[in-house]
């Protein structure tokens, strides 16, 4: 799984961890429900997760659309607005589990958080 986190929101470390955790659960549930053929392999190899930085909501939205177009398992996380971030703010896009090559084509330009 790969997670793109918006850095322009200046979320605290705990907030980032929480938002990525939300995305992880959403992706796992979707993969389980859709009988994603990559899920068993992902579980077998220790559930790898990579967290990348994104500078804007536009980058997250474009990445989400690209993943949908390639029919990858993808999710968006919007904040509820109870703590640091305004309600409805797009905070994270998660992708996977899928073939690493397919995810890399979409996320390869982003740097590690």
PDB file of N, CA and C in Angstrom:
ATOM      1  N   UNK A   1       0.837  -1.182   0.000  1.00  0.00           N
ATOM      2  CA  UNK A   1       0.000   0.000   0.000  1.00  0.00           C
ATOM      3  C   UNK A   1       0.881   1.244   0.000  1.00  0.00           C
ATOM      4  N   UNK A   2       0.392   2.246  -0.663  1.00  0.00           N
ATOM      5  CA  UNK A   2       1.073   3.541  -0.706  1.00  0.00           C
ATOM      6  C   UNK A   2       0.075   4.605  -0.264  1.00  0.00           C
ATOM      7  N   UNK A   3       0.551   5.521   0.542  1.00  0.00           N
ATOM      8  CA  UNK A   3      -0.292   6.594   1.055  1.00  0.00           C
ATOM      9  C   UNK A   3       0.324   7.936   0.705  1.00  0.00           C
ATOM     10  N   UNK A   4      -0.469   8.814   0.128  1.00  0.00           N
ATOM     11  CA  UNK A   4      -0.040  10.183  -0.168  1.00  0.00           C
ATOM     12  C   UNK A   4      -0.660  11.100   0.875  1.00  0.00           C
ATOM     13  N   UNK A   5       0.182  11.827   1.576  1.00  0.00           N
ATOM     14  CA  UNK A   5      -0.264  12.705   2.656  1.00  0.00           C
ATOM     15  C   UNK A   5      -0.060  14.152   2.241  1.00  0.00           C
ATOM     16  N   UNK A   6      -1.088  14.963   2.433  1.00  0.00           N
ATOM     17  CA  UNK A   6      -0.981  16.395   2.129  1.00  0.00           C
ATOM     18  C   UNK A   6      -0.127  17.104   3.162  1.00  0.00           C
ATOM     19  N   UNK A   7       0.978  17.668   2.708  1.00  0.00           N
ATOM     20  CA  UNK A   7       1.859  18.392   3.623  1.00  0.00           C
ATOM     21  C   UNK A   7       1.465  19.860   3.769  1.00  0.00           C
ATOM     22  N   UNK A   8       0.692  20.381   2.818  1.00  0.00           N
ATOM     23  CA  UNK A   8       0.294  21.790   2.906  1.00  0.00           C
ATOM     24  C   UNK A   8      -0.671  22.047   4.060  1.00  0.00           C
ATOM     25  N   UNK A   9      -1.275  20.995   4.599  1.00  0.00           N
ATOM     26  CA  UNK A   9      -2.187  21.158   5.734  1.00  0.00           C
ATOM     27  C   UNK A   9      -1.443  21.267   7.060  1.00  0.00           C
ATOM     28  N   UNK A  10      -0.160  20.951   7.046  1.00  0.00           N
ATOM     29  CA  UNK A  10       0.687  21.027   8.240  1.00  0.00           C
ATOM     30  C   UNK A  10       0.083  20.272   9.425  1.00  0.00           C
ATOM     31  N   UNK A  11      -0.345  19.033   9.160  1.00  0.00           N
ATOM     32  CA  UNK A  11      -0.900  18.187  10.212  1.00  0.00           C
ATOM     33  C   UNK A  11       0.210  17.742  11.156  1.00  0.00           C
ATOM     34  N   UNK A  12      -0.132  17.584  12.414  1.00  0.00           N
ATOM     35  CA  UNK A  12       0.814  17.038  13.383  1.00  0.00           C
ATOM     36  C   UNK A  12       1.068  15.562  13.099  1.00  0.00           C
ATOM     37  N   UNK A  13       2.106  15.024  13.719  1.00  0.00           N
ATOM     38  CA  UNK A  13       2.477  13.622  13.489  1.00  0.00           C
ATOM     39  C   UNK A  13       1.360  12.662  13.862  1.00  0.00           C
ATOM     40  N   UNK A  14       0.696  12.923  14.971  1.00  0.00           N
ATOM     41  CA  UNK A  14      -0.407  12.067  15.395  1.00  0.00           C
ATOM     42  C   UNK A  14      -1.569  12.110  14.423  1.00  0.00           C
ATOM     43  N   UNK A  15      -1.851  13.297  13.907  1.00  0.00           N
ATOM     44  CA  UNK A  15      -2.932  13.468  12.937  1.00  0.00           C
ATOM     45  C   UNK A  15      -2.611  12.708  11.659  1.00  0.00           C
ATOM     46  N   UNK A  16      -1.372  12.821  11.184  1.00  0.00           N
ATOM     47  CA  UNK A  16      -0.953  12.096   9.980  1.00  0.00           C
ATOM     48  C   UNK A  16      -1.108  10.596  10.206  1.00  0.00           C
ATOM     49  N   UNK A  17      -0.637  10.114  11.353  1.00  0.00           N
ATOM     50  CA  UNK A  17      -0.742   8.684  11.658  1.00  0.00           C
ATOM     51  C   UNK A  17      -2.197   8.230  11.649  1.00  0.00           C
ATOM     52  N   UNK A  18      -3.066   9.019  12.221  1.00  0.00           N
ATOM     53  CA  UNK A  18      -4.488   8.693  12.269  1.00  0.00           C
ATOM     54  C   UNK A  18      -5.108   8.651  10.873  1.00  0.00           C
ATOM     55  N   UNK A  19      -4.792   9.628  10.054  1.00  0.00           N
ATOM     56  CA  UNK A  19      -5.353   9.694   8.701  1.00  0.00           C
ATOM     57  C   UNK A  19      -4.852   8.533   7.834  1.00  0.00           C
ATOM     58  N   UNK A  20      -3.569   8.190   7.964  1.00  0.00           N
ATOM     59  CA  UNK A  20      -3.015   7.051   7.217  1.00  0.00           C
ATOM     60  C   UNK A  20      -3.653   5.752   7.713  1.00  0.00           C
ATOM     61  N   UNK A  21      -3.883   5.646   9.017  1.00  0.00           N
ATOM     62  CA  UNK A  21      -4.542   4.460   9.565  1.00  0.00           C
ATOM     63  C   UNK A  21      -5.953   4.321   9.002  1.00  0.00           C
ATOM     64  N   UNK A  22      -6.681   5.425   8.902  1.00  0.00           N
ATOM     65  CA  UNK A  22      -8.014   5.383   8.289  1.00  0.00           C
ATOM     66  C   UNK A  22      -7.930   4.836   6.865  1.00  0.00           C
ATOM     67  N   UNK A  23      -6.979   5.343   6.094  1.00  0.00           N
ATOM     68  CA  UNK A  23      -6.822   4.903   4.703  1.00  0.00           C
ATOM     69  C   UNK A  23      -6.466   3.424   4.631  1.00  0.00           C
ATOM     70  N   UNK A  24      -5.602   2.978   5.510  1.00  0.00           N
ATOM     71  CA  UNK A  24      -5.187   1.579   5.528  1.00  0.00           C
ATOM     72  C   UNK A  24      -6.379   0.655   5.755  1.00  0.00           C
ATOM     73  N   UNK A  25      -7.211   1.007   6.703  1.00  0.00           N
ATOM     74  CA  UNK A  25      -8.396   0.195   6.993  1.00  0.00           C
ATOM     75  C   UNK A  25      -9.373   0.230   5.824  1.00  0.00           C
ATOM     76  N   UNK A  26      -9.583   1.398   5.240  1.00  0.00           N
ATOM     77  CA  UNK A  26     -10.480   1.498   4.082  1.00  0.00           C
ATOM     78  C   UNK A  26      -9.993   0.633   2.920  1.00  0.00           C
ATOM     79  N   UNK A  27      -8.693   0.686   2.637  1.00  0.00           N
ATOM     80  CA  UNK A  27      -8.135  -0.115   1.545  1.00  0.00           C
ATOM     81  C   UNK A  27      -8.254  -1.601   1.832  1.00  0.00           C
ATOM     82  N   UNK A  28      -7.949  -1.996   3.057  1.00  0.00           N
ATOM     83  CA  UNK A  28      -8.020  -3.410   3.420  1.00  0.00           C
ATOM     84  C   UNK A  28      -9.447  -3.932   3.288  1.00  0.00           C
ATOM     85  N   UNK A  29     -10.412  -3.180   3.820  1.00  0.00           N
ATOM     86  CA  UNK A  29     -11.813  -3.607   3.728  1.00  0.00           C
ATOM     87  C   UNK A  29     -12.268  -3.717   2.280  1.00  0.00           C
ATOM     88  N   UNK A  30     -11.891  -2.750   1.454  1.00  0.00           N
ATOM     89  CA  UNK A  30     -12.279  -2.787   0.039  1.00  0.00           C
ATOM     90  C   UNK A  30     -11.635  -3.977  -0.663  1.00  0.00           C
ATOM     91  N   UNK A  31     -10.368  -4.249  -0.362  1.00  0.00           N
ATOM     92  CA  UNK A  31      -9.668  -5.380  -0.977  1.00  0.00           C
ATOM     93  C   UNK A  31     -10.301  -6.697  -0.551  1.00  0.00           C
ATOM     94  N   UNK A  32     -10.665  -6.799   0.700  1.00  0.00           N
ATOM     95  CA  UNK A  32     -11.302  -8.003   1.223  1.00  0.00           C
ATOM     96  C   UNK A  32     -12.667  -8.217   0.574  1.00  0.00           C
ATOM     97  N   UNK A  33     -13.464  -7.164   0.504  1.00  0.00           N
ATOM     98  CA  UNK A  33     -14.812  -7.258  -0.062  1.00  0.00           C
ATOM     99  C   UNK A  33     -14.815  -7.540  -1.554  1.00  0.00           C
ATOM    100  N   UNK A  34     -13.808  -7.039  -2.266  1.00  0.00           N
ATOM    101  CA  UNK A  34     -13.759  -7.234  -3.723  1.00  0.00           C
ATOM    102  C   UNK A  34     -12.949  -8.470  -4.118  1.00  0.00           C
ATOM    103  N   UNK A  35     -12.479  -9.204  -3.107  1.00  0.00           N
ATOM    104  CA  UNK A  35     -11.640 -10.388  -3.358  1.00  0.00           C
ATOM    105  C   UNK A  35     -10.431 -10.024  -4.213  1.00  0.00           C
ATOM    106  N   UNK A  36      -9.783  -8.939  -3.845  1.00  0.00           N
ATOM    107  CA  UNK A  36      -8.596  -8.437  -4.530  1.00  0.00           C
ATOM    108  C   UNK A  36      -7.537  -9.539  -4.595  1.00  0.00           C
ATOM    109  N   UNK A  37      -7.093  -9.902  -5.816  1.00  0.00           N
ATOM    110  CA  UNK A  37      -6.122 -11.000  -5.949  1.00  0.00           C
ATOM    111  C   UNK A  37      -4.745 -10.685  -5.359  1.00  0.00           C
ATOM    112  N   UNK A  38      -4.464  -9.431  -5.061  1.00  0.00           N
ATOM    113  CA  UNK A  38      -3.167  -9.048  -4.508  1.00  0.00           C
ATOM    114  C   UNK A  38      -3.151  -9.049  -2.980  1.00  0.00           C
ATOM    115  N   UNK A  39      -4.307  -9.206  -2.369  1.00  0.00           N
ATOM    116  CA  UNK A  39      -4.406  -9.110  -0.911  1.00  0.00           C
ATOM    117  C   UNK A  39      -3.603 -10.197  -0.202  1.00  0.00           C
ATOM    118  N   UNK A  40      -3.736 -11.448  -0.621  1.00  0.00           N
ATOM    119  CA  UNK A  40      -3.020 -12.539   0.050  1.00  0.00           C
ATOM    120  C   UNK A  40      -1.509 -12.353  -0.021  1.00  0.00           C
ATOM    121  N   UNK A  41      -1.015 -11.941  -1.168  1.00  0.00           N
ATOM    122  CA  UNK A  41       0.418 -11.702  -1.335  1.00  0.00           C
ATOM    123  C   UNK A  41       0.872 -10.565  -0.421  1.00  0.00           C
ATOM    124  N   UNK A  42       0.099  -9.510  -0.367  1.00  0.00           N
ATOM    125  CA  UNK A  42       0.418  -8.361   0.480  1.00  0.00           C
ATOM    126  C   UNK A  42       0.484  -8.788   1.949  1.00  0.00           C
ATOM    127  N   UNK A  43      -0.482  -9.611   2.370  1.00  0.00           N
ATOM    128  CA  UNK A  43      -0.486 -10.105   3.745  1.00  0.00           C
ATOM    129  C   UNK A  43       0.722 -11.006   4.007  1.00  0.00           C
ATOM    130  N   UNK A  44       1.018 -11.881   3.058  1.00  0.00           N
ATOM    131  CA  UNK A  44       2.128 -12.827   3.200  1.00  0.00           C
ATOM    132  C   UNK A  44       3.470 -12.112   3.348  1.00  0.00           C
ATOM    133  N   UNK A  45       3.628 -10.983   2.640  1.00  0.00           N
ATOM    134  CA  UNK A  45       4.904 -10.269   2.642  1.00  0.00           C
ATOM    135  C   UNK A  45       4.989  -9.189   3.712  1.00  0.00           C
ATOM    136  N   UNK A  46       4.119  -9.266   4.722  1.00  0.00           N
ATOM    137  CA  UNK A  46       4.246  -8.369   5.871  1.00  0.00           C
ATOM    138  C   UNK A  46       3.499  -7.058   5.767  1.00  0.00           C
ATOM    139  N   UNK A  47       2.546  -6.962   4.872  1.00  0.00           N
ATOM    140  CA  UNK A  47       1.711  -5.761   4.688  1.00  0.00           C
ATOM    141  C   UNK A  47       2.539  -4.496   4.526  1.00  0.00           C
ATOM    142  N   UNK A  48       3.414  -4.442   3.514  1.00  0.00           N
ATOM    143  CA  UNK A  48       4.248  -3.247   3.337  1.00  0.00           C
ATOM    144  C   UNK A  48       3.416  -1.987   3.081  1.00  0.00           C
ATOM    145  N   UNK A  49       3.885  -0.894   3.665  1.00  0.00           N
ATOM    146  CA  UNK A  49       3.220   0.403   3.513  1.00  0.00           C
ATOM    147  C   UNK A  49       4.282   1.471   3.290  1.00  0.00           C
ATOM    148  N   UNK A  50       4.022   2.338   2.340  1.00  0.00           N
ATOM    149  CA  UNK A  50       4.937   3.433   2.028  1.00  0.00           C
ATOM    150  C   UNK A  50       4.148   4.729   2.134  1.00  0.00           C
ATOM    151  N   UNK A  51       4.701   5.703   2.834  1.00  0.00           N
ATOM    152  CA  UNK A  51       4.020   6.985   3.016  1.00  0.00           C
ATOM    153  C   UNK A  51       4.808   8.062   2.275  1.00  0.00           C
ATOM    154  N   UNK A  52       4.103   8.737   1.377  1.00  0.00           N
ATOM    155  CA  UNK A  52       4.700   9.762   0.524  1.00  0.00           C
ATOM    156  C   UNK A  52       4.080  11.117   0.814  1.00  0.00           C
ATOM    157  N   UNK A  53       4.773  12.167   0.407  1.00  0.00           N
ATOM    158  CA  UNK A  53       4.284  13.528   0.630  1.00  0.00           C
ATOM    159  C   UNK A  53       3.696  14.111  -0.649  1.00  0.00           C
ATOM    160  N   UNK A  54       2.632  14.864  -0.483  1.00  0.00           N
ATOM    161  CA  UNK A  54       2.009  15.592  -1.582  1.00  0.00           C
ATOM    162  C   UNK A  54       1.834  17.035  -1.136  1.00  0.00           C
ATOM    163  N   UNK A  55       2.049  17.959  -2.055  1.00  0.00           N
ATOM    164  CA  UNK A  55       2.005  19.374  -1.687  1.00  0.00           C
ATOM    165  C   UNK A  55       0.634  20.026  -1.787  1.00  0.00           C
ATOM    166  N   UNK A  56      -0.361  19.310  -2.352  1.00  0.00           N
ATOM    167  CA  UNK A  56      -1.641  19.984  -2.553  1.00  0.00           C
ATOM    168  C   UNK A  56      -2.804  19.011  -2.698  1.00  0.00           C
ATOM    169  N   UNK A  57      -3.988  19.546  -2.497  1.00  0.00           N
ATOM    170  CA  UNK A  57      -5.213  18.781  -2.717  1.00  0.00           C
ATOM    171  C   UNK A  57      -5.333  18.398  -4.187  1.00  0.00           C
ATOM    172  N   UNK A  58      -4.913  19.286  -5.080  1.00  0.00           N
ATOM    173  CA  UNK A  58      -4.975  18.995  -6.514  1.00  0.00           C
ATOM    174  C   UNK A  58      -4.149  17.755  -6.857  1.00  0.00           C
ATOM    175  N   UNK A  59      -2.936  17.655  -6.311  1.00  0.00           N
ATOM    176  CA  UNK A  59      -2.101  16.470  -6.555  1.00  0.00           C
ATOM    177  C   UNK A  59      -2.790  15.201  -6.064  1.00  0.00           C
ATOM    178  N   UNK A  60      -3.390  15.268  -4.891  1.00  0.00           N
ATOM    179  CA  UNK A  60      -4.094  14.108  -4.360  1.00  0.00           C
ATOM    180  C   UNK A  60      -5.265  13.735  -5.258  1.00  0.00           C
ATOM    181  N   UNK A  61      -6.035  14.714  -5.675  1.00  0.00           N
ATOM    182  CA  UNK A  61      -7.196  14.451  -6.535  1.00  0.00           C
ATOM    183  C   UNK A  61      -6.789  13.851  -7.873  1.00  0.00           C
ATOM    184  N   UNK A  62      -5.735  14.387  -8.470  1.00  0.00           N
ATOM    185  CA  UNK A  62      -5.259  13.864  -9.754  1.00  0.00           C
ATOM    186  C   UNK A  62      -4.727  12.442  -9.610  1.00  0.00           C
ATOM    187  N   UNK A  63      -4.047  12.177  -8.525  1.00  0.00           N
ATOM    188  CA  UNK A  63      -3.522  10.835  -8.273  1.00  0.00           C
ATOM    189  C   UNK A  63      -4.664   9.849  -8.050  1.00  0.00           C
ATOM    190  N   UNK A  64      -5.672  10.271  -7.306  1.00  0.00           N
ATOM    191  CA  UNK A  64      -6.848   9.428  -7.085  1.00  0.00           C
ATOM    192  C   UNK A  64      -7.507   9.076  -8.420  1.00  0.00           C
ATOM    193  N   UNK A  65      -7.716  10.070  -9.266  1.00  0.00           N
ATOM    194  CA  UNK A  65      -8.346   9.835 -10.571  1.00  0.00           C
ATOM    195  C   UNK A  65      -7.517   8.893 -11.432  1.00  0.00           C
ATOM    196  N   UNK A  66      -6.191   9.039 -11.401  1.00  0.00           N
ATOM    197  CA  UNK A  66      -5.306   8.165 -12.178  1.00  0.00           C
ATOM    198  C   UNK A  66      -5.407   6.724 -11.684  1.00  0.00           C
ATOM    199  N   UNK A  67      -5.496   6.535 -10.375  1.00  0.00           N
ATOM    200  CA  UNK A  67      -5.615   5.189  -9.810  1.00  0.00           C
ATOM    201  C   UNK A  67      -6.957   4.558 -10.167  1.00  0.00           C
ATOM    202  N   UNK A  68      -8.015   5.345 -10.126  1.00  0.00           N
ATOM    203  CA  UNK A  68      -9.339   4.851 -10.518  1.00  0.00           C
ATOM    204  C   UNK A  68      -9.325   4.438 -11.986  1.00  0.00           C
ATOM    205  N   UNK A  69      -8.723   5.269 -12.822  1.00  0.00           N
ATOM    206  CA  UNK A  69      -8.649   4.981 -14.260  1.00  0.00           C
ATOM    207  C   UNK A  69      -7.924   3.662 -14.525  1.00  0.00           C
ATOM    208  N   UNK A  70      -6.893   3.363 -13.735  1.00  0.00           N
ATOM    209  CA  UNK A  70      -6.134   2.112 -13.885  1.00  0.00           C
ATOM    210  C   UNK A  70      -6.780   0.957 -13.123  1.00  0.00           C
ATOM    211  N   UNK A  71      -7.929   1.223 -12.520  1.00  0.00           N
ATOM    212  CA  UNK A  71      -8.702   0.227 -11.774  1.00  0.00           C
ATOM    213  C   UNK A  71      -7.927  -0.357 -10.591  1.00  0.00           C
ATOM    214  N   UNK A  72      -7.186   0.504  -9.910  1.00  0.00           N
ATOM    215  CA  UNK A  72      -6.467   0.095  -8.712  1.00  0.00           C
ATOM    216  C   UNK A  72      -7.370   0.264  -7.495  1.00  0.00           C
ATOM    217  N   UNK A  73      -7.069  -0.473  -6.445  1.00  0.00           N
ATOM    218  CA  UNK A  73      -7.768  -0.304  -5.182  1.00  0.00           C
ATOM    219  C   UNK A  73      -7.307   1.034  -4.595  1.00  0.00           C
ATOM    220  N   UNK A  74      -8.226   1.957  -4.418  1.00  0.00           N
ATOM    221  CA  UNK A  74      -7.860   3.314  -4.018  1.00  0.00           C
ATOM    222  C   UNK A  74      -8.923   3.886  -3.084  1.00  0.00           C
ATOM    223  N   UNK A  75      -8.497   4.771  -2.188  1.00  0.00           N
ATOM    224  CA  UNK A  75      -9.449   5.436  -1.296  1.00  0.00           C
ATOM    225  C   UNK A  75      -9.003   6.866  -1.028  1.00  0.00           C
ATOM    226  N   UNK A  76      -9.942   7.663  -0.565  1.00  0.00           N
ATOM    227  CA  UNK A  76      -9.667   9.033  -0.127  1.00  0.00           C
ATOM    228  C   UNK A  76     -10.093   9.154   1.328  1.00  0.00           C
ATOM    229  N   UNK A  77      -9.343   9.929   2.080  1.00  0.00           N
ATOM    230  CA  UNK A  77      -9.703  10.202   3.473  1.00  0.00           C
ATOM    231  C   UNK A  77      -9.972  11.696   3.600  1.00  0.00           C
ATOM    232  N   UNK A  78     -11.158  12.012   4.116  1.00  0.00           N
ATOM    233  CA  UNK A  78     -11.550  13.395   4.382  1.00  0.00           C
ATOM    234  C   UNK A  78     -11.647  13.572   5.889  1.00  0.00           C
ATOM    235  N   UNK A  79     -11.110  14.649   6.400  1.00  0.00           N
ATOM    236  CA  UNK A  79     -11.108  14.877   7.837  1.00  0.00           C
ATOM    237  C   UNK A  79     -12.489  15.285   8.325  1.00  0.00           C
ATOM    238  N   UNK A  80     -12.799  14.876   9.558  1.00  0.00           N
ATOM    239  CA  UNK A  80     -14.099  15.207  10.148  1.00  0.00           C
ATOM    240  C   UNK A  80     -14.130  16.605  10.758  1.00  0.00           C
ATOM    241  N   UNK A  81     -12.961  17.223  10.904  1.00  0.00           N
ATOM    242  CA  UNK A  81     -12.912  18.597  11.399  1.00  0.00           C
ATOM    243  C   UNK A  81     -12.999  18.747  12.901  1.00  0.00           C
ATOM    244  N   UNK A  82     -12.754  17.669  13.637  1.00  0.00           N
ATOM    245  CA  UNK A  82     -12.885  17.739  15.094  1.00  0.00           C
ATOM    246  C   UNK A  82     -11.635  18.258  15.801  1.00  0.00           C
ATOM    247  N   UNK A  83     -10.495  18.266  15.104  1.00  0.00           N
ATOM    248  CA  UNK A  83      -9.268  18.717  15.780  1.00  0.00           C
ATOM    249  C   UNK A  83      -8.549  19.795  14.977  1.00  0.00           C
ATOM    250  N   UNK A  84      -7.512  19.429  14.225  1.00  0.00           N
ATOM    251  CA  UNK A  84      -6.616  20.402  13.600  1.00  0.00           C
ATOM    252  C   UNK A  84      -7.065  20.928  12.244  1.00  0.00           C
ATOM    253  N   UNK A  85      -7.816  20.153  11.510  1.00  0.00           N
ATOM    254  CA  UNK A  85      -8.081  20.417  10.094  1.00  0.00           C
ATOM    255  C   UNK A  85      -9.553  20.746   9.884  1.00  0.00           C
ATOM    256  N   UNK A  86      -9.850  21.576   8.894  1.00  0.00           N
ATOM    257  CA  UNK A  86     -11.234  21.922   8.573  1.00  0.00           C
ATOM    258  C   UNK A  86     -12.004  20.695   8.102  1.00  0.00           C
ATOM    259  N   UNK A  87     -13.249  20.619   8.498  1.00  0.00           N
ATOM    260  CA  UNK A  87     -14.113  19.511   8.105  1.00  0.00           C
ATOM    261  C   UNK A  87     -14.183  19.383   6.586  1.00  0.00           C
ATOM    262  N   UNK A  88     -14.061  18.161   6.104  1.00  0.00           N
ATOM    263  CA  UNK A  88     -14.162  17.902   4.673  1.00  0.00           C
ATOM    264  C   UNK A  88     -12.862  18.039   3.908  1.00  0.00           C
ATOM    265  N   UNK A  89     -11.771  18.350   4.601  1.00  0.00           N
ATOM    266  CA  UNK A  89     -10.471  18.480   3.924  1.00  0.00           C
ATOM    267  C   UNK A  89      -9.963  17.108   3.495  1.00  0.00           C
ATOM    268  N   UNK A  90      -9.550  17.005   2.244  1.00  0.00           N
ATOM    269  CA  UNK A  90      -8.926  15.781   1.748  1.00  0.00           C
ATOM    270  C   UNK A  90      -7.516  15.711   2.332  1.00  0.00           C
ATOM    271  N   UNK A  91      -7.230  14.661   3.106  1.00  0.00           N
ATOM    272  CA  UNK A  91      -5.947  14.568   3.799  1.00  0.00           C
ATOM    273  C   UNK A  91      -5.019  13.508   3.219  1.00  0.00           C
ATOM    274  N   UNK A  92      -5.577  12.376   2.789  1.00  0.00           N
ATOM    275  CA  UNK A  92      -4.772  11.236   2.337  1.00  0.00           C
ATOM    276  C   UNK A  92      -5.468  10.531   1.183  1.00  0.00           C
ATOM    277  N   UNK A  93      -4.661  10.064   0.232  1.00  0.00           N
ATOM    278  CA  UNK A  93      -5.115   9.109  -0.782  1.00  0.00           C
ATOM    279  C   UNK A  93      -4.292   7.852  -0.573  1.00  0.00           C
ATOM    280  N   UNK A  94      -4.979   6.717  -0.485  1.00  0.00           N
ATOM    281  CA  UNK A  94      -4.310   5.433  -0.335  1.00  0.00           C
ATOM    282  C   UNK A  94      -4.518   4.583  -1.574  1.00  0.00           C
ATOM    283  N   UNK A  95      -3.500   3.803  -1.934  1.00  0.00           N
ATOM    284  CA  UNK A  95      -3.578   2.932  -3.108  1.00  0.00           C
ATOM    285  C   UNK A  95      -3.007   1.568  -2.742  1.00  0.00           C
ATOM    286  N   UNK A  96      -3.715   0.513  -3.138  1.00  0.00           N
ATOM    287  CA  UNK A  96      -3.210  -0.836  -2.986  1.00  0.00           C
ATOM    288  C   UNK A  96      -4.116  -1.690  -2.109  1.00  0.00           C
ATOM    289  N   UNK A  97      -3.772  -2.942  -1.930  1.00  0.00           N
ATOM    290  CA  UNK A  97      -2.651  -3.607  -2.579  1.00  0.00           C
ATOM    291  C   UNK A  97      -2.924  -3.871  -4.062  1.00  0.00           C
ATOM    292  N   UNK A  98      -1.909  -3.648  -4.846  1.00  0.00           N
ATOM    293  CA  UNK A  98      -1.904  -3.903  -6.289  1.00  0.00           C
ATOM    294  C   UNK A  98      -0.471  -4.212  -6.694  1.00  0.00           C
ATOM    295  N   UNK A  99      -0.254  -4.428  -7.983  1.00  0.00           N
ATOM    296  CA  UNK A  99       1.109  -4.638  -8.466  1.00  0.00           C
ATOM    297  C   UNK A  99       1.935  -3.388  -8.176  1.00  0.00           C
ATOM    298  N   UNK A 100       3.130  -3.587  -7.659  1.00  0.00           N
ATOM    299  CA  UNK A 100       4.012  -2.455  -7.337  1.00  0.00           C
ATOM    300  C   UNK A 100       4.260  -1.579  -8.548  1.00  0.00           C
ATOM    301  N   UNK A 101       4.443  -2.211  -9.702  1.00  0.00           N
ATOM    302  CA  UNK A 101       4.728  -1.455 -10.927  1.00  0.00           C
ATOM    303  C   UNK A 101       3.581  -0.514 -11.278  1.00  0.00           C
ATOM    304  N   UNK A 102       2.351  -0.989 -11.085  1.00  0.00           N
ATOM    305  CA  UNK A 102       1.183  -0.163 -11.408  1.00  0.00           C
ATOM    306  C   UNK A 102       1.066   1.029 -10.459  1.00  0.00           C
ATOM    307  N   UNK A 103       1.340   0.786  -9.190  1.00  0.00           N
ATOM    308  CA  UNK A 103       1.289   1.878  -8.211  1.00  0.00           C
ATOM    309  C   UNK A 103       2.421   2.867  -8.471  1.00  0.00           C
ATOM    310  N   UNK A 104       3.609   2.345  -8.775  1.00  0.00           N
ATOM    311  CA  UNK A 104       4.777   3.206  -9.026  1.00  0.00           C
ATOM    312  C   UNK A 104       4.578   4.142 -10.213  1.00  0.00           C
ATOM    313  N   UNK A 105       3.848   3.683 -11.230  1.00  0.00           N
ATOM    314  CA  UNK A 105       3.593   4.533 -12.402  1.00  0.00           C
ATOM    315  C   UNK A 105       2.822   5.791 -12.006  1.00  0.00           C
ATOM    316  N   UNK A 106       2.005   5.667 -10.991  1.00  0.00           N
ATOM    317  CA  UNK A 106       1.170   6.783 -10.551  1.00  0.00           C
ATOM    318  C   UNK A 106       1.846   7.612  -9.459  1.00  0.00           C
ATOM    319  N   UNK A 107       2.601   6.952  -8.600  1.00  0.00           N
ATOM    320  CA  UNK A 107       3.144   7.635  -7.417  1.00  0.00           C
ATOM    321  C   UNK A 107       4.656   7.859  -7.456  1.00  0.00           C
ATOM    322  N   UNK A 108       5.306   7.440  -8.511  1.00  0.00           N
ATOM    323  CA  UNK A 108       6.764   7.495  -8.596  1.00  0.00           C
ATOM    324  C   UNK A 108       7.384   8.874  -8.474  1.00  0.00           C
ATOM    325  N   UNK A 109       6.614   9.913  -8.753  1.00  0.00           N
ATOM    326  CA  UNK A 109       7.173  11.276  -8.696  1.00  0.00           C
ATOM    327  C   UNK A 109       7.197  11.856  -7.281  1.00  0.00           C
ATOM    328  N   UNK A 110       6.497  11.205  -6.363  1.00  0.00           N
ATOM    329  CA  UNK A 110       6.396  11.732  -5.002  1.00  0.00           C
ATOM    330  C   UNK A 110       7.567  11.267  -4.139  1.00  0.00           C
ATOM    331  N   UNK A 111       7.926  12.076  -3.154  1.00  0.00           N
ATOM    332  CA  UNK A 111       9.030  11.761  -2.243  1.00  0.00           C
ATOM    333  C   UNK A 111       8.483  11.185  -0.934  1.00  0.00           C
ATOM    334  N   UNK A 112       9.332  10.445  -0.249  1.00  0.00           N
ATOM    335  CA  UNK A 112       8.947   9.885   1.047  1.00  0.00           C
ATOM    336  C   UNK A 112       8.630  10.987   2.050  1.00  0.00           C
ATOM    337  N   UNK A 113       7.637  10.736   2.882  1.00  0.00           N
ATOM    338  CA  UNK A 113       7.304  11.673   3.948  1.00  0.00           C
ATOM    339  C   UNK A 113       8.371  11.529   5.017  1.00  0.00           C
TER     340      UNK A 113
END
